[in-house]
Amino acid sequence: MIQLEKVTSAEERFILAKEYIKTLESPIDGYWENVVIGNAQCYVIIYDGEKAGHFFVDSHKTLVQFYILSQYFVHAPQIFEYIIESDIVENAAVSTKEKEFLALCLDYHKSISIDQYLFSDNKNTKYELSNFKDISFRLANKNDIGIIKIKCDPAFDGYYEDLVENNQLFVLYSCDILLGIGEFRIFKSNDQYGDIGMIVTEEYRKKGVGIYIVTQLKEHCYRNNLKPMACCNVKNIASKNTLEKSGFVSKHRILNVTLK
């Protein structure tokens, strides 16, 4: 008999997610861990009265993490099908790093599309901005937040404030002109990796600003003995090109899978 029990403890949710991610060769993505998994509902899977694994599902009924303990993996197809047939799950989002989860999605899929490119570093690239004066790349402070919200993605309330408070947001200025921002986080599941991202203000795109920000963020990772990682949406060709020119290579994907 299969039973699904909601996990209400934030600590237990975090432990379950971290234990699963540590079984992978490398973390999936920082945004994926912090936002997608962080805001999803967690369930423990009970099989014949014993804990057999867990899964996370978001508010759109998308399965975003699925893990079965090795001794129960022979029952994984039965459990996976049970979850699909419930009213809890309709779709899945799975990375190509997750072999067992991906295999089950392939078995039960109706359609599949690529959602995100996942990047790991392949080359330590140096890059200079010669066409701008008085370049300053530094940690952001509270005084930068106003212009960031005007020139970049306004994000949700408290987003940039939280990044600033935790020394996770960088700004790039030419004199007093904001060219772009860079985000940096250490993976909660594995403190050997640094997750980076950038936004270039609209009027300064296609001028090398993005490459400069990414290479500076990579250097920040190296100085802290971290392996840099990044991701971008499959439709964001400009971001993909920037990351590749900065020395990244995309070996993995996050896939959208329709299950019903």
Protein backbone atom coordinates (compact mmCIF):
# COMPACT_ATOMS: atom_id res chain seq x y z
CA MET A 1 0.00 0.00 0.00
CA ILE A 2 1.22 3.50 -0.91
CA GLN A 3 0.59 6.55 1.25
CA LEU A 4 1.63 10.17 0.72
CA GLU A 5 2.20 12.39 3.76
CA LYS A 6 2.75 16.17 3.60
CA VAL A 7 5.91 17.49 5.21
CA THR A 8 5.21 20.68 7.16
CA SER A 9 8.56 21.14 8.88
CA ALA A 10 10.87 23.52 6.99
CA GLU A 11 13.88 21.81 8.52
CA GLU A 12 12.75 18.36 7.38
CA ARG A 13 12.01 19.69 3.87
CA PHE A 14 15.51 21.12 3.66
CA ILE A 15 17.15 17.92 4.91
CA LEU A 16 15.24 15.74 2.44
CA ALA A 17 16.08 18.00 -0.52
CA LYS A 18 19.74 18.28 0.47
CA GLU A 19 20.15 14.53 0.99
CA TYR A 20 18.75 13.88 -2.47
CA ILE A 21 20.86 16.51 -4.25
CA LYS A 22 24.00 15.12 -2.60
CA THR A 23 23.34 11.80 -4.38
CA LEU A 24 23.87 13.60 -7.72
CA GLU A 25 27.28 14.20 -9.31
CA SER A 26 26.77 17.96 -8.92
CA PRO A 27 23.98 20.32 -7.79
CA ILE A 28 21.32 21.22 -10.37
CA ASP A 29 21.07 25.01 -10.09
CA GLY A 30 20.97 27.60 -7.32
CA TYR A 31 17.66 29.15 -8.37
CA TRP A 32 16.24 25.66 -8.69
CA GLU A 33 17.22 24.78 -5.14
CA ASN A 34 16.37 28.10 -3.47
CA VAL A 35 13.19 29.11 -5.29
CA VAL A 36 11.65 26.18 -7.19
CA ILE A 37 12.31 23.49 -4.58
CA GLY A 38 12.23 26.00 -1.74
CA ASN A 39 8.63 27.01 -2.52
CA ALA A 40 7.31 23.56 -3.48
CA GLN A 41 5.25 21.23 -1.29
CA CYS A 42 7.10 18.19 0.00
CA TYR A 43 5.58 14.74 0.49
CA VAL A 44 7.05 11.65 2.11
CA ILE A 45 6.26 8.38 0.34
CA ILE A 46 5.20 5.51 2.61
CA TYR A 47 5.28 2.02 1.08
CA ASP A 48 3.80 -0.83 3.14
CA GLY A 49 4.21 1.23 6.28
CA GLU A 50 7.86 2.20 5.68
CA LYS A 51 9.39 5.43 4.40
CA ALA A 52 10.41 4.77 0.79
CA GLY A 53 11.32 8.25 -0.45
CA HIS A 54 9.93 11.73 -1.04
CA PHE A 55 8.95 14.19 -3.75
CA PHE A 56 8.37 17.91 -4.22
CA VAL A 57 5.55 19.39 -6.31
CA ASP A 58 4.99 23.08 -7.08
CA SER A 59 1.77 25.10 -7.15
CA HIS A 60 1.24 24.23 -10.84
CA LYS A 61 1.15 20.49 -10.05
CA THR A 62 4.62 20.06 -11.50
CA LEU A 63 6.80 17.37 -9.96
CA VAL A 64 10.17 19.05 -9.37
CA GLN A 65 11.97 16.40 -7.32
CA PHE A 66 11.40 12.66 -6.99
CA TYR A 67 13.54 10.31 -4.93
CA ILE A 68 13.12 6.67 -4.01
CA LEU A 69 15.46 4.90 -1.56
CA SER A 70 17.56 2.27 -3.34
CA GLN A 71 15.93 -0.68 -1.51
CA TYR A 72 12.53 0.45 -2.83
CA PHE A 73 13.55 1.32 -6.36
CA VAL A 74 12.05 -1.89 -7.72
CA HIS A 75 8.71 -0.31 -6.75
CA ALA A 76 9.55 3.10 -8.27
CA PRO A 77 7.39 2.69 -11.41
CA GLN A 78 4.38 1.68 -9.30
CA ILE A 79 4.91 4.65 -6.96
CA PHE A 80 5.49 7.07 -9.83
CA GLU A 81 2.32 5.95 -11.59
CA TYR A 82 0.36 6.22 -8.34
CA ILE A 83 1.47 9.84 -7.94
CA ILE A 84 0.59 10.68 -11.55
CA GLU A 85 -2.87 9.17 -11.14
CA SER A 86 -3.48 11.24 -8.03
CA ASP A 87 -4.71 14.82 -8.22
CA ILE A 88 -1.33 16.07 -6.98
CA VAL A 89 0.81 15.89 -10.15
CA GLU A 90 0.18 16.62 -13.82
CA ASN A 91 3.66 17.48 -15.14
CA ALA A 92 7.32 17.17 -14.21
CA ALA A 93 10.44 19.29 -14.49
CA VAL A 94 13.55 17.14 -14.39
CA SER A 95 17.23 17.74 -15.07
CA THR A 96 19.38 15.42 -17.14
CA LYS A 97 21.55 15.06 -14.01
CA GLU A 98 18.77 13.03 -12.37
CA LYS A 99 19.04 9.67 -14.13
CA GLU A 100 16.44 7.67 -12.20
CA PHE A 101 13.87 10.49 -12.12
CA LEU A 102 14.47 11.21 -15.82
CA ALA A 103 14.06 7.53 -16.77
CA LEU A 104 10.65 7.41 -15.09
CA CYS A 105 9.60 10.64 -16.81
CA LEU A 106 10.56 9.11 -20.16
CA ASP A 107 8.49 6.03 -19.39
CA TYR A 108 5.34 8.03 -18.64
CA HIS A 109 5.70 11.19 -20.73
CA LYS A 110 3.12 12.58 -23.16
CA SER A 111 5.47 15.30 -24.43
CA ILE A 112 8.89 16.74 -23.58
CA SER A 113 10.53 20.14 -24.18
CA ILE A 114 13.75 21.80 -23.05
CA ASP A 115 13.32 24.55 -20.47
CA GLN A 116 16.80 25.48 -19.17
CA TYR A 117 20.46 25.10 -20.12
CA LEU A 118 22.67 24.15 -17.16
CA PHE A 119 26.26 25.38 -17.33
CA SER A 120 29.51 24.36 -15.66
CA ASP A 121 32.83 26.11 -16.06
CA ASN A 122 35.12 24.90 -18.82
CA LYS A 123 37.73 27.66 -19.14
CA ASN A 124 39.12 30.45 -16.97
CA THR A 125 38.51 33.40 -19.30
CA LYS A 126 39.86 36.93 -18.85
CA TYR A 127 37.88 39.85 -20.25
CA GLU A 128 38.30 43.62 -20.06
CA LEU A 129 35.87 46.46 -20.83
CA SER A 130 37.97 48.94 -22.80
CA ASN A 131 35.10 51.06 -24.12
CA PHE A 132 33.92 52.32 -20.70
CA LYS A 133 35.53 54.79 -18.31
CA ASP A 134 36.12 54.39 -14.57
CA ILE A 135 34.79 50.83 -14.30
CA SER A 136 33.77 49.77 -10.80
CA PHE A 137 32.65 46.23 -9.97
CA ARG A 138 31.81 45.84 -6.30
CA LEU A 139 29.37 44.44 -3.76
CA ALA A 140 26.04 46.27 -3.85
CA ASN A 141 24.75 48.19 -0.86
CA LYS A 142 21.31 49.46 0.14
CA ASN A 143 21.86 52.73 -1.76
CA ASP A 144 22.11 50.79 -5.04
CA ILE A 145 18.74 49.05 -4.73
CA GLY A 146 16.61 51.93 -6.05
CA ILE A 147 18.44 52.26 -9.36
CA ILE A 148 18.69 48.47 -9.70
CA LYS A 149 14.89 48.16 -9.51
CA ILE A 150 14.52 50.87 -12.18
CA LYS A 151 17.20 49.63 -14.58
CA CYS A 152 16.97 45.87 -14.01
CA ASP A 153 14.27 43.36 -13.17
CA PRO A 154 12.27 44.84 -10.24
CA ALA A 155 11.83 41.29 -8.84
CA PHE A 156 9.61 40.61 -5.83
CA ASP A 157 9.59 42.64 -2.62
CA GLY A 158 12.67 42.07 -0.52
CA TYR A 159 14.57 40.13 -3.20
CA TYR A 160 17.45 42.56 -3.72
CA GLU A 161 17.42 43.60 -0.07
CA ASP A 162 18.03 39.98 0.94
CA LEU A 163 20.86 39.61 -1.60
CA VAL A 164 22.55 42.77 -0.35
CA GLU A 165 22.25 41.71 3.28
CA ASN A 166 23.94 38.40 2.48
CA ASN A 167 26.69 39.83 0.23
CA GLN A 168 25.24 38.08 -2.81
CA LEU A 169 24.71 41.04 -5.15
CA PHE A 170 27.34 42.90 -7.19
CA VAL A 171 26.99 46.08 -9.25
CA LEU A 172 28.95 47.27 -12.27
CA TYR A 173 29.22 51.02 -12.80
CA SER A 174 30.93 53.20 -15.37
CA CYS A 175 31.41 56.44 -13.44
CA ASP A 176 27.94 56.82 -11.88
CA ILE A 177 26.09 54.87 -14.61
CA LEU A 178 24.78 51.41 -13.71
CA LEU A 179 25.72 48.95 -16.47
CA GLY A 180 24.45 45.77 -14.85
CA ILE A 181 24.33 43.52 -11.80
CA GLY A 182 25.66 40.11 -10.86
CA GLU A 183 24.21 37.60 -8.39
CA PHE A 184 26.26 35.06 -6.46
CA ARG A 185 25.19 32.34 -4.06
CA ILE A 186 26.89 29.38 -2.46
CA PHE A 187 24.84 26.23 -2.96
CA LYS A 188 23.08 25.21 0.23
CA SER A 189 23.28 21.54 -0.71
CA ASN A 190 27.01 21.59 -1.53
CA ASP A 191 29.30 24.39 -0.39
CA GLN A 192 31.90 23.56 -3.06
CA TYR A 193 29.82 25.29 -5.75
CA GLY A 194 28.91 28.91 -6.47
CA ASP A 195 25.81 29.82 -8.47
CA ILE A 196 26.07 32.99 -10.55
CA GLY A 197 23.80 35.09 -12.76
CA MET A 198 23.75 38.55 -14.30
CA ILE A 199 21.45 41.22 -15.72
CA VAL A 200 22.67 43.96 -18.07
CA THR A 201 20.72 47.22 -18.26
CA GLU A 202 18.89 47.45 -21.58
CA GLU A 203 20.85 50.35 -23.09
CA TYR A 204 24.22 48.64 -22.51
CA ARG A 205 23.50 45.19 -23.91
CA LYS A 206 25.62 43.72 -26.73
CA LYS A 207 28.63 45.73 -25.56
CA GLY A 208 30.47 43.02 -23.63
CA VAL A 209 29.07 44.06 -20.26
CA GLY A 210 27.50 40.66 -19.57
CA ILE A 211 30.74 38.81 -20.34
CA TYR A 212 32.65 41.11 -18.01
CA ILE A 213 30.19 40.60 -15.15
CA VAL A 214 30.20 36.81 -15.55
CA THR A 215 34.02 36.59 -15.68
CA GLN A 216 34.25 38.77 -12.56
CA LEU A 217 31.74 36.53 -10.76
CA LYS A 218 33.76 33.49 -11.80
CA GLU A 219 36.89 35.10 -10.33
CA HIS A 220 34.96 35.68 -7.11
CA CYS A 221 34.15 31.96 -7.03
CA TYR A 222 37.79 30.99 -7.64
CA ARG A 223 39.01 33.28 -4.85
CA ASN A 224 36.63 31.47 -2.50
CA ASN A 225 37.63 27.98 -3.74
CA LEU A 226 34.24 27.44 -5.38
CA LYS A 227 33.30 25.86 -8.70
CA PRO A 228 31.12 28.33 -10.65
CA MET A 229 27.83 27.20 -12.18
CA ALA A 230 25.06 29.02 -14.08
CA CYS A 231 21.88 28.47 -16.07
CA CYS A 232 19.65 30.24 -18.57
CA ASN A 233 16.28 29.75 -20.24
CA VAL A 234 16.46 27.92 -23.56
CA LYS A 235 14.85 30.92 -25.27
CA ASN A 236 17.45 33.35 -23.93
CA ILE A 237 20.01 32.94 -26.71
CA ALA A 238 21.81 36.16 -25.74
CA SER A 239 22.45 34.86 -22.23
CA LYS A 240 23.56 31.47 -23.57
CA ASN A 241 26.07 33.16 -25.89
CA THR A 242 27.36 35.35 -23.06
CA LEU A 243 27.92 32.39 -20.76
CA GLU A 244 29.69 30.43 -23.49
CA LYS A 245 31.96 33.39 -24.32
CA SER A 246 32.76 33.58 -20.60
CA GLY A 247 34.12 30.03 -20.58
CA PHE A 248 31.03 28.05 -19.59
CA VAL A 249 29.77 24.93 -21.33
CA SER A 250 26.27 23.45 -21.14
CA LYS A 251 26.32 19.69 -20.63
CA HIS A 252 22.91 19.35 -19.00
CA ARG A 253 19.31 20.54 -19.38
CA ILE A 254 16.14 20.93 -17.34
CA LEU A 255 13.23 19.37 -19.22
CA ASN A 256 9.51 20.08 -19.04
CA VAL A 257 7.57 16.81 -19.16
CA THR A 258 3.82 16.51 -19.68
CA LEU A 259 2.56 13.46 -17.81
CA LYS A 260 -1.20 13.81 -18.31
